[in-house]
Protein backbone atom coordinates (compact mmCIF):
# COMPACT_ATOMS: atom_id res chain seq x y z
CA MET A 1 104.09 158.18 93.74
CA LYS A 2 107.86 158.07 93.98
CA PRO A 3 109.27 155.06 92.13
CA ILE A 4 111.66 152.75 93.93
CA SER A 5 114.48 150.83 92.30
CA LEU A 6 114.51 147.12 91.65
CA ARG A 7 117.37 146.71 94.16
CA GLN A 8 115.20 148.31 96.82
CA VAL A 9 112.38 145.97 95.90
CA VAL A 10 114.58 142.95 96.42
CA LEU A 11 115.90 144.26 99.73
CA THR A 12 112.54 145.35 101.14
CA LEU A 13 110.15 142.91 99.46
CA GLY A 14 108.57 141.82 102.71
CA CYS A 15 107.71 145.39 103.71
CA LEU A 16 106.53 146.22 100.21
CA MET A 17 104.14 143.29 100.08
CA ALA A 18 102.79 144.13 103.52
CA THR A 19 101.96 147.57 102.12
CA PHE A 20 100.24 145.95 99.12
CA ASN A 21 98.09 143.74 101.32
CA VAL A 22 97.10 146.39 103.85
CA PHE A 23 96.29 149.28 101.56
CA GLY A 24 95.47 147.53 98.26
CA GLN A 25 96.72 150.55 96.32
CA SER A 26 99.16 151.09 93.49
CA LYS A 27 102.92 151.19 93.97
CA SER A 28 105.46 151.77 91.26
CA ILE A 29 108.56 149.72 90.48
CA TYR A 30 111.32 150.55 88.04
CA LEU A 31 111.65 147.67 85.56
CA TRP A 32 115.41 147.74 85.36
CA GLY A 33 118.01 148.01 88.15
CA GLY A 34 119.83 150.94 86.57
CA GLU A 35 119.75 152.03 82.95
CA ALA A 36 117.60 149.92 80.66
CA PRO A 37 119.41 147.79 78.07
CA GLY A 38 120.15 149.69 74.90
CA ALA A 39 119.45 153.04 76.55
CA ILE A 40 121.12 156.29 75.50
CA VAL A 41 121.43 158.78 78.35
CA ASN A 42 119.89 162.08 77.24
CA ALA A 43 119.52 164.78 79.89
CA ASN A 44 117.25 166.83 77.62
CA TYR A 45 114.69 164.03 77.23
CA LYS A 46 112.26 164.33 80.11
CA GLN A 47 109.04 162.51 80.85
CA GLN A 48 105.88 164.50 80.08
CA VAL A 49 102.51 164.03 81.78
CA ASP A 50 99.35 165.77 80.62
CA SER A 51 97.12 165.18 83.64
CA ALA A 52 94.11 166.87 82.05
CA ASN A 53 94.08 164.35 79.22
CA SER A 54 95.68 161.44 81.15
CA TRP A 55 98.46 161.24 78.59
CA MET A 56 102.09 160.33 79.25
CA SER A 57 104.94 160.69 76.77
CA GLN A 58 108.75 160.79 76.50
CA ILE A 59 109.21 157.85 78.89
CA SER A 60 112.87 156.94 79.31
CA LYS A 61 112.64 154.99 82.59
CA PRO A 62 109.99 152.27 82.26
CA ILE A 63 107.82 151.66 85.31
CA LEU A 64 105.38 148.98 86.44
CA ASP A 65 102.44 150.29 88.49
CA VAL A 66 101.13 147.52 90.75
CA TYR A 67 97.44 147.16 91.62
CA PRO A 68 97.12 144.16 94.00
CA ALA A 69 93.82 142.31 94.04
CA PRO A 70 91.90 142.53 97.33
CA ARG A 71 93.16 139.85 99.70
CA GLU A 72 89.71 138.32 100.19
CA THR A 73 89.05 137.85 96.46
CA ALA A 74 92.55 137.37 95.01
CA ASN A 75 92.66 134.29 92.77
CA GLY A 76 96.35 134.22 91.83
CA THR A 77 95.89 135.51 88.28
CA ALA A 78 97.90 138.53 87.15
CA ILE A 79 97.56 140.69 84.04
CA ILE A 80 100.08 143.21 82.72
CA ILE A 81 98.34 146.07 80.89
CA CYS A 82 99.96 147.91 77.97
CA PRO A 83 98.11 151.21 77.30
CA GLY A 84 97.89 152.43 73.73
CA GLY A 85 98.94 155.67 72.08
CA SER A 86 100.43 155.01 68.63
CA TYR A 87 103.86 154.39 70.20
CA SER A 88 104.03 158.17 70.77
CA GLY A 89 102.34 158.31 74.19
CA LEU A 90 100.30 156.30 76.67
CA ALA A 91 96.61 156.67 77.50
CA ILE A 92 97.29 155.90 81.14
CA ALA A 93 93.77 156.38 82.55
CA HIS A 94 91.05 154.69 80.45
CA GLU A 95 93.51 152.11 79.00
CA GLY A 96 95.54 151.75 82.19
CA LYS A 97 94.41 152.59 85.70
CA GLU A 98 90.67 152.18 85.01
CA VAL A 99 91.29 148.75 83.48
CA ALA A 100 93.46 147.74 86.45
CA LYS A 101 90.66 148.60 88.85
CA TRP A 102 88.21 146.52 86.80
CA LEU A 103 90.60 143.57 86.88
CA ASN A 104 90.95 144.01 90.66
CA SER A 105 87.17 143.60 90.92
CA LEU A 106 87.60 140.17 89.34
CA GLY A 107 90.24 139.13 91.89
CA ILE A 108 93.11 139.74 89.44
CA THR A 109 96.32 141.52 90.39
CA ALA A 110 96.96 144.12 87.69
CA PHE A 111 100.14 145.82 86.51
CA VAL A 112 100.12 148.90 84.27
CA LEU A 113 103.27 148.94 82.15
CA LYS A 114 104.59 152.40 81.37
CA TYR A 115 106.97 151.25 78.66
CA ARG A 116 109.58 153.26 76.80
CA LEU A 117 108.24 154.83 73.64
CA PRO A 118 110.47 154.29 70.60
CA ASN A 119 112.79 157.22 70.01
CA ASP A 120 116.28 157.34 68.52
CA ALA A 121 117.23 159.98 71.07
CA ILE A 122 117.16 157.50 73.96
CA MET A 123 117.61 154.04 72.36
CA THR A 124 120.23 152.34 70.24
CA ASP A 125 117.41 150.37 68.57
CA LYS A 126 114.08 152.05 69.14
CA ALA A 127 112.03 149.20 67.63
CA ILE A 128 113.22 146.72 70.27
CA GLY A 129 112.88 149.00 73.29
CA PRO A 130 109.17 148.42 74.03
CA LEU A 131 109.59 144.64 73.57
CA MET A 132 112.52 144.66 76.02
CA ASP A 133 110.34 146.37 78.60
CA GLY A 134 107.41 144.04 77.96
CA GLN A 135 109.54 140.93 78.38
CA GLN A 136 111.11 142.36 81.53
CA ALA A 137 107.64 143.04 82.98
CA VAL A 138 106.60 139.41 82.48
CA ARG A 139 109.95 138.25 83.86
CA LEU A 140 109.64 140.46 86.95
CA VAL A 141 106.08 139.38 87.75
CA ARG A 142 106.84 135.69 87.28
CA ARG A 143 110.07 135.84 89.26
CA ASN A 144 108.27 137.40 92.22
CA ALA A 145 105.05 135.41 91.80
CA LYS A 146 105.28 133.53 95.07
CA GLU A 147 105.96 136.62 97.15
CA TRP A 148 103.21 138.57 95.41
CA GLY A 149 100.57 135.83 95.72
CA ILE A 150 100.50 135.15 91.99
CA ASN A 151 100.27 131.84 90.17
CA PRO A 152 103.25 131.82 87.74
CA GLY A 153 101.13 129.80 85.31
CA LYS A 154 98.40 132.47 85.19
CA ILE A 155 100.18 135.60 83.99
CA GLY A 156 98.45 137.35 81.12
CA ILE A 157 99.38 140.28 78.88
CA MET A 158 96.77 142.84 77.81
CA GLY A 159 97.06 145.69 75.34
CA PHE A 160 95.01 148.44 73.70
CA SER A 161 95.69 149.76 70.20
CA ALA A 162 99.50 150.13 69.86
CA GLY A 163 99.72 148.60 73.34
CA GLY A 164 97.89 145.66 71.75
CA HIS A 165 100.70 145.45 69.22
CA LEU A 166 103.21 145.32 72.05
CA ALA A 167 101.16 142.65 73.87
CA ALA A 168 100.92 140.59 70.66
CA THR A 169 104.67 141.03 70.06
CA ILE A 170 105.40 139.79 73.59
CA SER A 171 103.08 136.82 72.90
CA THR A 172 104.79 135.84 69.66
CA HIS A 173 108.46 136.68 70.35
CA PHE A 174 108.94 135.19 73.81
CA LYS A 175 111.66 132.82 72.60
CA GLU A 176 113.85 135.68 71.46
CA LYS A 177 116.25 137.20 73.96
CA VAL A 178 116.19 140.89 73.10
CA SER A 179 118.00 142.20 76.20
CA SER A 180 121.33 141.42 77.82
CA THR A 181 119.89 140.15 81.11
CA ASN A 182 121.13 136.79 82.42
CA ASP A 183 117.79 136.05 84.09
CA THR A 184 116.36 132.84 82.56
CA THR A 185 112.84 133.30 83.95
CA SER A 186 110.29 132.59 81.21
CA VAL A 187 108.87 135.68 79.49
CA LYS A 188 106.01 133.81 77.83
CA PRO A 189 102.57 135.09 78.86
CA ASN A 190 100.02 132.38 79.64
CA PHE A 191 97.31 134.23 77.73
CA SER A 192 96.73 137.54 75.97
CA ILE A 193 93.85 140.02 75.78
CA LEU A 194 94.06 142.31 72.76
CA ILE A 195 91.61 145.21 72.50
CA TYR A 196 91.32 146.98 69.10
CA PRO A 197 95.00 146.04 68.61
CA VAL A 198 97.49 147.03 65.98
CA ILE A 199 98.68 143.58 64.94
CA SER A 200 100.40 144.05 61.60
CA MET A 201 103.03 146.29 60.07
CA GLN A 202 101.92 145.26 56.57
CA GLU A 203 101.07 148.36 54.55
CA ASN A 204 97.53 147.32 53.61
CA ILE A 205 96.19 146.95 57.16
CA THR A 206 98.62 148.59 59.60
CA HIS A 207 98.13 151.80 61.56
CA LYS A 208 100.50 154.17 59.80
CA GLY A 209 101.37 156.27 62.84
CA SER A 210 102.27 153.27 64.98
CA LYS A 211 104.37 151.79 62.19
CA VAL A 212 106.36 154.97 61.59
CA ASN A 213 106.89 155.61 65.29
CA LEU A 214 108.13 152.07 65.88
CA LEU A 215 110.05 151.28 62.69
CA GLY A 216 110.73 154.62 61.00
CA GLN A 217 109.72 155.94 57.60
CA ASN A 218 111.35 153.29 55.40
CA PRO A 219 111.84 150.08 57.39
CA ALA A 220 113.49 147.04 55.87
CA ALA A 221 111.12 144.31 54.70
CA GLU A 222 112.58 141.93 57.29
CA ARG A 223 111.66 144.35 60.08
CA VAL A 224 108.13 144.74 58.77
CA THR A 225 107.67 140.97 58.73
CA TYR A 226 109.24 140.56 62.17
CA PHE A 227 106.78 143.00 63.74
CA SER A 228 103.75 141.75 61.80
CA ASN A 229 102.52 139.48 64.55
CA GLU A 230 99.96 137.61 62.47
CA LEU A 231 102.98 136.18 60.63
CA GLN A 232 104.72 135.16 63.86
CA VAL A 233 101.96 133.01 65.39
CA ASN A 234 102.82 129.32 65.88
CA GLY A 235 101.60 126.39 67.92
CA GLU A 236 103.22 127.74 71.09
CA THR A 237 101.56 131.17 70.98
CA PRO A 238 99.42 131.64 74.11
CA PRO A 239 95.58 131.66 73.88
CA ALA A 240 94.05 135.03 73.02
CA PHE A 241 90.87 137.06 73.45
CA LEU A 242 90.41 139.86 70.89
CA VAL A 243 87.98 142.77 70.51
CA HIS A 244 87.51 145.10 67.55
CA SER A 245 84.83 147.28 65.95
CA MET A 246 83.81 147.25 62.31
CA ASP A 247 83.80 151.07 62.18
CA ASP A 248 87.34 151.44 63.53
CA LYS A 249 88.85 153.99 61.13
CA ALA A 250 92.17 154.21 62.97
CA VAL A 251 93.18 150.53 63.18
CA PRO A 252 91.37 148.38 60.61
CA VAL A 253 89.46 145.39 61.95
CA GLN A 254 91.52 143.21 59.61
CA ASN A 255 94.30 143.37 62.22
CA SER A 256 92.35 141.29 64.73
CA VAL A 257 90.91 139.06 62.01
CA ALA A 258 94.38 138.25 60.69
CA TYR A 259 95.64 137.32 64.15
CA ALA A 260 92.59 135.19 64.90
CA LEU A 261 92.94 133.31 61.61
CA ALA A 262 96.62 132.68 62.32
CA MET A 263 95.68 131.30 65.74
CA GLU A 264 93.04 129.04 64.18
CA LYS A 265 95.53 127.80 61.59
CA ASN A 266 97.92 126.80 64.38
CA ASN A 267 95.22 125.19 66.58
CA VAL A 268 95.67 127.74 69.35
CA PRO A 269 92.57 128.67 71.41
CA CYS A 270 91.32 132.11 70.37
CA GLU A 271 88.13 134.11 70.75
CA LEU A 272 87.37 137.15 68.57
CA HIS A 273 84.52 139.63 69.18
CA ILE A 274 83.73 142.08 66.37
CA TYR A 275 81.19 144.80 67.16
CA GLN A 276 79.29 146.94 64.67
CA THR A 277 80.15 150.21 66.36
CA GLY A 278 82.61 151.69 68.82
CA GLY A 279 85.25 153.17 66.57
CA HIS A 280 88.60 153.20 68.33
CA GLY A 281 90.00 153.93 71.76
CA TYR A 282 86.94 153.20 73.90
CA GLY A 283 88.70 151.40 76.76
CA LEU A 284 86.08 149.61 78.89
CA ALA A 285 83.39 151.00 76.55
CA HIS A 286 81.01 152.90 78.80
CA SER A 287 78.35 153.24 76.14
CA LYS A 288 74.88 151.91 75.42
CA ASN A 289 76.01 150.11 72.28
CA THR A 290 77.04 146.48 71.88
CA GLU A 291 80.79 147.12 72.23
CA SER A 292 80.04 147.82 75.91
CA LEU A 293 79.55 144.07 76.29
CA TRP A 294 83.20 143.20 75.74
CA PRO A 295 84.32 143.35 79.41
CA GLU A 296 81.65 140.79 80.38
CA ALA A 297 82.59 138.58 77.41
CA CYS A 298 86.22 138.79 78.49
CA ARG A 299 85.32 137.97 82.09
CA LYS A 300 83.42 134.90 80.92
CA TRP A 301 86.32 133.82 78.70
CA MET A 302 88.70 134.04 81.65
CA GLU A 303 86.24 132.12 83.82
CA VAL A 304 85.84 129.31 81.29
CA ARG A 305 89.62 129.03 80.92
CA GLY A 306 90.04 128.79 84.68
CA TYR A 307 91.76 132.13 85.32
CA ILE A 308 88.99 133.49 87.54
CA LYS A 309 86.07 132.12 89.52
CA GLY A 310 82.57 132.23 88.07
CA GLN A 311 80.29 135.01 89.23
CA GLU A 312 77.06 133.39 88.14
CA ALA A 313 75.48 130.39 89.79
CA GLY A 314 73.98 128.15 87.15
CA THR A 315 71.80 125.16 87.82
CA PRO A 316 74.28 122.34 88.50
CA ILE A 317 73.67 118.75 87.54
CA PHE A 318 75.58 117.78 90.66
CA ASP A 319 76.45 119.31 94.01
CA ARG A 320 79.24 121.86 93.51
CA THR A 321 79.78 122.31 97.25
CA VAL A 322 83.23 121.00 98.14
CA LYS A 323 83.23 119.12 101.43
CA LEU A 324 86.71 117.85 102.15
CA ASN A 325 87.34 114.58 103.93
CA PRO A 326 90.54 113.81 105.85
CA ASP A 327 92.02 111.93 102.88
CA ASP A 328 91.25 114.70 100.37
CA LYS A 329 94.79 116.04 100.41
CA PRO A 330 97.91 116.22 98.23
CA ALA A 331 99.68 112.94 97.58
CA PHE A 332 102.75 114.75 96.19
CA ASN A 333 104.45 118.12 96.26
CA ASP A 334 103.94 120.54 93.37
CA PRO A 335 106.40 120.34 90.46
CA PRO A 336 109.40 122.70 90.51
CA ALA A 337 109.20 126.13 88.92
CA GLY A 338 109.72 126.15 85.16
CA PHE A 339 108.94 122.47 84.75
CA ARG A 340 106.94 123.06 81.57
CA ASN A 341 109.10 125.77 80.02
CA LYS A 342 110.93 124.92 76.83
CA ARG A 343 114.65 124.63 77.57
CA ASP A 344 117.17 125.58 74.94
CA ASN A 345 119.99 123.40 76.27
CA ILE A 346 118.31 120.01 75.85
CA ALA A 347 117.14 117.82 72.97
CA HIS A 348 113.50 118.17 71.96
CA GLY A 349 110.95 115.73 70.68
CA LYS A 350 108.65 116.41 67.74
CA VAL A 351 104.88 116.91 67.58
CA SER A 352 103.49 115.99 64.17
CA PRO A 353 99.98 115.92 62.67
CA VAL A 354 99.06 112.45 61.45
CA GLN A 355 96.02 111.51 59.38
CA TYR A 356 94.40 108.09 59.45
CA ALA A 357 91.40 106.50 57.80
CA SER A 358 88.69 105.55 60.27
CA LYS A 359 86.88 102.63 58.69
CA ALA A 360 84.13 102.63 61.31
CA LEU A 361 83.36 106.28 60.65
CA GLY A 362 84.12 106.22 56.95
CA GLN A 363 86.14 109.42 57.41
CA SER A 364 89.71 110.66 57.46
CA ARG A 365 90.66 111.98 60.88
CA GLU A 366 93.73 113.65 62.33
CA MET A 367 95.68 113.26 65.54
CA LEU A 368 98.95 114.69 66.84
CA VAL A 369 101.83 112.39 67.74
CA TYR A 370 104.81 113.26 69.92
CA THR A 371 108.00 111.30 69.26
CA PRO A 372 110.80 111.72 71.81
CA PRO A 373 114.27 113.10 71.10
CA GLY A 374 116.34 110.56 69.19
CA TYR A 375 113.33 108.49 68.17
CA SER A 376 114.54 105.40 66.32
CA SER A 377 112.81 102.48 64.66
CA ALA A 378 115.56 100.32 66.17
CA LYS A 379 114.03 100.84 69.61
CA ARG A 380 110.57 100.27 71.02
CA TYR A 381 108.67 102.80 73.09
CA PRO A 382 105.71 102.82 75.50
CA VAL A 383 102.70 104.96 74.56
CA ILE A 384 100.39 107.35 76.42
CA TYR A 385 97.07 108.30 74.85
CA LEU A 386 96.30 111.81 76.22
CA LEU A 387 92.71 113.00 75.82
CA HIS A 388 91.65 116.66 75.70
CA GLY A 389 88.66 118.49 77.15
CA LEU A 390 85.32 119.52 75.69
CA ASN A 391 85.55 121.59 72.48
CA SER A 392 89.31 122.03 72.88
CA GLY A 393 90.81 119.81 70.18
CA ASN A 394 93.90 117.65 70.07
CA GLY A 395 96.20 120.66 70.37
CA GLN A 396 95.15 121.41 73.96
CA TRP A 397 97.78 119.19 75.56
CA PRO A 398 100.84 120.19 73.46
CA TYR A 399 99.99 123.80 72.58
CA TRP A 400 98.30 125.07 75.74
CA ILE A 401 99.56 122.81 78.50
CA ASN A 402 102.99 122.27 76.90
CA ALA A 403 102.91 118.50 77.41
CA ASN A 404 105.80 117.99 75.01
CA ASN A 405 107.98 120.40 77.00
CA ILE A 406 107.13 118.56 80.22
CA ILE A 407 108.12 115.22 78.71
CA ASP A 408 111.27 116.62 77.06
CA ASN A 409 112.41 118.04 80.40
CA LEU A 410 111.68 114.86 82.36
CA ILE A 411 113.54 112.74 79.79
CA SER A 412 116.54 115.08 79.89
CA GLU A 413 116.60 114.82 83.71
CA GLY A 414 116.50 111.03 83.56
CA LYS A 415 113.22 110.91 85.49
CA ILE A 416 111.28 109.03 82.81
CA LYS A 417 112.08 106.81 79.87
CA PRO A 418 111.49 108.08 76.32
CA MET A 419 107.87 107.53 75.30
CA ILE A 420 105.44 108.33 72.53
CA ILE A 421 102.39 110.46 73.24
CA VAL A 422 99.28 110.33 71.07
CA PHE A 423 96.88 113.29 71.16
CA PRO A 424 93.69 112.08 69.46
CA ASN A 425 90.74 114.27 68.63
CA CYS A 426 88.26 112.91 71.14
CA ASN A 427 85.12 114.01 69.27
CA THR A 428 84.41 111.75 66.31
CA ASN A 429 82.31 114.48 64.69
CA VAL A 430 85.60 116.27 64.03
CA THR A 431 87.11 114.98 60.80
CA VAL A 432 89.51 116.26 58.17
CA ASN A 433 86.55 117.38 56.06
CA ASN A 434 84.61 118.76 59.04
CA PRO A 435 87.21 120.28 61.37
CA LYS A 436 84.75 122.50 63.27
CA PRO A 437 81.28 121.01 63.84
CA ASP A 438 78.53 123.42 64.82
CA GLU A 439 78.71 123.86 68.59
CA GLN A 440 74.95 124.36 68.98
CA GLU A 441 74.26 121.13 67.13
CA GLU A 442 76.88 119.35 69.24
CA ARG A 443 75.14 120.51 72.39
CA LYS A 444 71.71 119.49 71.10
CA GLY A 445 73.08 116.06 70.26
CA GLY A 446 74.45 115.57 73.76
CA TYR A 447 78.07 115.54 72.55
CA LYS A 448 77.67 111.97 71.34
CA GLY A 449 80.91 112.21 69.41
CA TYR A 450 82.74 111.94 72.74
CA GLY A 451 81.01 108.71 73.67
CA LEU A 452 80.99 105.16 72.35
CA SER A 453 82.00 106.18 68.83
CA PHE A 454 85.27 107.65 70.13
CA GLN A 455 85.91 104.58 72.28
CA ASN A 456 85.59 102.40 69.18
CA ASP A 457 87.74 104.75 67.11
CA LEU A 458 90.47 104.69 69.75
CA LEU A 459 90.48 100.92 70.30
CA HIS A 460 89.94 99.77 66.72
CA GLU A 461 91.50 102.50 64.58
CA ILE A 462 93.93 104.76 66.46
CA ILE A 463 95.80 102.18 68.56
CA PRO A 464 96.22 99.72 65.66
CA PHE A 465 97.42 102.59 63.46
CA ILE A 466 100.02 103.69 66.02
CA GLU A 467 101.22 100.13 66.55
CA SER A 468 101.62 99.53 62.82
CA HIS A 469 103.28 102.87 61.98
CA TYR A 470 105.54 103.49 65.00
CA SER A 471 108.11 101.41 66.83
CA VAL A 472 106.13 100.81 70.02
CA TYR A 473 105.42 98.01 72.46
CA THR A 474 102.04 96.42 71.80
CA ASP A 475 101.28 94.91 75.22
CA ARG A 476 99.06 96.54 77.86
CA GLY A 477 102.01 96.92 80.20
CA HIS A 478 103.42 99.62 77.94
CA ARG A 479 100.16 101.42 77.23
CA ALA A 480 98.55 104.23 79.27
CA ILE A 481 95.46 106.40 78.87
CA ALA A 482 94.84 109.68 80.67
CA GLY A 483 92.92 112.87 80.10
CA LEU A 484 91.62 116.15 81.46
CA SER A 485 88.04 117.25 82.12
CA MET A 486 85.83 115.57 79.47
CA GLY A 487 88.94 113.62 78.43
CA GLY A 488 89.43 112.58 82.06
CA GLY A 489 85.96 111.09 82.08
CA GLN A 490 86.65 109.37 78.76
CA SER A 491 89.95 107.97 80.07
CA LEU A 492 88.28 106.48 83.15
CA ASN A 493 85.33 105.14 81.16
CA ILE A 494 87.49 103.52 78.49
CA GLY A 495 90.45 102.49 80.63
CA LEU A 496 88.45 100.90 83.46
CA SER A 497 86.18 98.97 81.12
CA HIS A 498 89.14 97.76 79.02
CA ILE A 499 91.70 96.78 81.63
CA ASN A 500 93.10 94.20 79.23
CA ASN A 501 94.14 97.11 76.99
CA PHE A 502 95.61 99.53 79.53
CA ALA A 503 97.77 98.98 82.60
CA TYR A 504 97.81 102.69 83.48
CA VAL A 505 94.74 104.93 83.71
CA GLY A 506 94.53 108.58 84.76
CA GLY A 507 91.67 111.05 85.18
CA PHE A 508 92.52 114.71 85.86
CA SER A 509 89.58 116.97 86.83
CA SER A 510 87.22 114.41 85.34
CA ALA A 511 83.95 115.82 84.01
CA PRO A 512 80.28 114.77 84.43
CA ASN A 513 80.62 112.34 81.51
CA THR A 514 82.35 109.99 83.97
CA ASN A 515 80.24 106.84 84.13
CA GLN A 516 78.17 106.20 87.27
CA PHE A 517 79.53 109.14 89.27
CA GLY A 518 79.33 112.12 86.90
CA GLY A 519 75.57 112.44 86.79
CA LEU A 520 75.09 111.83 83.06
CA SER A 521 75.41 108.06 82.77
CA ASP A 522 74.29 105.12 84.91
CA ALA A 523 76.74 102.75 83.22
CA LYS A 524 79.13 101.07 85.62
CA LEU A 525 82.50 102.80 85.77
CA LEU A 526 84.35 99.68 86.90
CA PRO A 527 82.68 96.52 85.56
CA ASP A 528 85.28 94.19 87.10
CA PRO A 529 86.78 95.43 90.41
CA LEU A 530 88.73 92.20 90.86
CA ALA A 531 90.50 92.64 87.53
CA ALA A 532 91.32 96.22 88.50
CA LYS A 533 92.91 95.05 91.75
CA GLN A 534 94.95 92.39 90.00
CA LYS A 535 95.93 94.05 86.73
CA LEU A 536 96.03 97.82 87.02
CA LYS A 537 99.53 99.03 87.75
CA VAL A 538 98.55 102.68 88.29
CA LEU A 539 95.08 104.19 88.61
CA TRP A 540 95.35 107.94 89.10
CA LEU A 541 92.65 110.38 90.21
CA ALA A 542 93.34 114.07 90.71
CA CYS A 543 91.38 117.26 91.14
CA GLY A 544 91.77 120.69 92.72
CA THR A 545 89.55 121.91 95.53
CA LYS A 546 88.71 125.09 93.56
CA ASP A 547 87.27 122.99 90.74
CA GLY A 548 83.47 122.98 90.40
CA LEU A 549 83.77 119.36 89.21
CA PHE A 550 85.61 118.23 92.34
CA ASN A 551 82.73 116.06 93.54
CA VAL A 552 82.94 113.84 90.47
CA SER A 553 86.49 112.73 91.23
CA GLN A 554 85.81 112.63 94.95
CA ARG A 555 82.91 110.20 94.46
CA VAL A 556 85.04 107.97 92.23
CA HIS A 557 87.76 107.94 94.89
CA GLN A 558 85.30 107.04 97.64
CA TYR A 559 83.92 104.17 95.55
CA LEU A 560 87.39 102.80 94.75
CA LYS A 561 88.37 103.06 98.40
CA LYS A 562 85.25 101.16 99.43
CA GLU A 563 85.96 98.44 96.86
CA GLY A 564 89.59 98.18 97.94
CA VAL A 565 90.95 99.12 94.52
CA PRO A 566 94.46 100.62 94.88
CA HIS A 567 94.74 104.08 93.38
CA VAL A 568 96.40 107.48 93.70
CA TRP A 569 94.14 110.26 95.00
CA HIS A 570 95.90 113.60 94.58
CA VAL A 571 94.02 116.68 95.79
CA ASP A 572 95.57 120.14 95.57
CA SER A 573 94.24 123.69 95.67
CA ASN A 574 94.05 124.34 91.92
CA ALA A 575 90.99 125.08 89.81
CA HIS A 576 89.79 123.55 86.53
CA ASP A 577 92.83 124.84 84.70
CA ASP A 578 96.06 124.16 82.86
CA THR A 579 98.13 124.34 86.06
CA GLU A 580 96.25 121.35 87.46
CA TRP A 581 96.62 119.34 84.28
CA ALA A 582 100.29 120.16 83.71
CA ASN A 583 101.14 119.32 87.32
CA ASN A 584 99.45 115.95 87.12
CA LEU A 585 101.01 115.03 83.80
CA TYR A 586 104.40 115.76 85.35
CA LEU A 587 103.61 113.53 88.34
CA PHE A 588 101.69 110.78 86.52
CA THR A 589 104.37 110.09 83.92
CA GLN A 590 106.95 109.49 86.65
CA HIS A 591 104.87 106.63 88.06
CA ILE A 592 104.17 104.65 84.91
CA PHE A 593 106.10 102.27 82.68
CA LYS A 594 108.21 101.10 85.60
């Protein structure tokens, strides 16, 4: 394969994509249009390829190999793969091409990143070189997402071994501009998949070879900390799936454990699989041992998070077949690109954890509260109560969907007034003393913590606390409730049965817990249709046609239409995912508090 330059890609993009779609095979693209930033031209440094062992080394011109998903199964998700090799080479077959083909089978467009390997002979700062290339890969894929049939909100980064360190570095250092490019396209991955990764540069758990190759023999303490990614995790780090083996003698399992614990500490979704055997470097793990299960576990994780479609047909409690009616269509255009990216040139609000004493439950509980830029007790603000989905926690809206960024951006553009957002924990079994109830017990109990007890906690504890501790309006005309999935059902259940408390109600991808129409409860969703007609200022229903829960929202819409209750019915082509929820928050907030 003869690489083509980025300039050629821009000039011939239409022809290139036609080739992708017709042949479904790999093409290669140079990451940089010319010399890479920080490069030192060295005519004696030439790329080496050991075909017999599928090993590549001495890479001075980074390349992105493109593996488009088959047209008939493509789902818009893309994953950039970083092969491992101790930062001295790349295992381009079993940690590159083979993985790309597996991802293609799931409908995912894959990119194998052949990044520069740190070497003082070709870089002014060898430690930053791989990160530059990784950021540029994300930037390139996101910038060309529309042309390449990719959802810009579903771009993941994946890495094996030292490639896992690079993937984790990209996931934790996306705010830092390490190259001289003027392109402002976001370099934040939407999720990461880290397979037996090197995470840390700390002496007690690092992989010595990777550390020396990246940082040198005696790196400064600041450099060690900077590249110890377990120390760089924060609330904005993307969700992660990790795999490691207990008997890994090359990269200690403590690397993955440390990263997972940092994610848990910052309330970021994370799943860690530790297997008894496997050692190191097994790629897709074609063995008869338990580590061979990781690709299926990863597939399921991506399915649950909405990145791919399910491959297994369970027994539904409702009809999953989507039958569209003439009015099942978009009510609005999609938000503009970058609408939920954090912008450096505007003022930002603050998301803070707040504890309160729930008298009804006899427990201390915690919520997150967003206060807008310039919050002042001399002013009063309207409030939205945003409810999360099943087993996701109150950090789902700010830390995964970036709700605070969306609101910051809209305020800066003058499209909405400053407001306060409350992110409660919508399961009353979650308390300060019991932050992670047993999931099996929750399931056995029918998730009762999401039911009446949460309604009472919200109405009688959370709202009074907010209104006595923050400078907010206390009338229904300045109070909204909305949620996603299980939280969408809760928002409709609570909001429509307490119209005297809320003038604005929104359900995004509402789940089967939705009263009357979800299949789990016969309770009336709208006890007083006349009050709804007279008092509700905005009632918002939204769902994507790729969502297995579409019929729940569709049935609610049909009922409201029959009863003559005014409402927004916004149907797009998204799945049960963060794109759907972010889009609707962006739209919903521009129609309330008018």
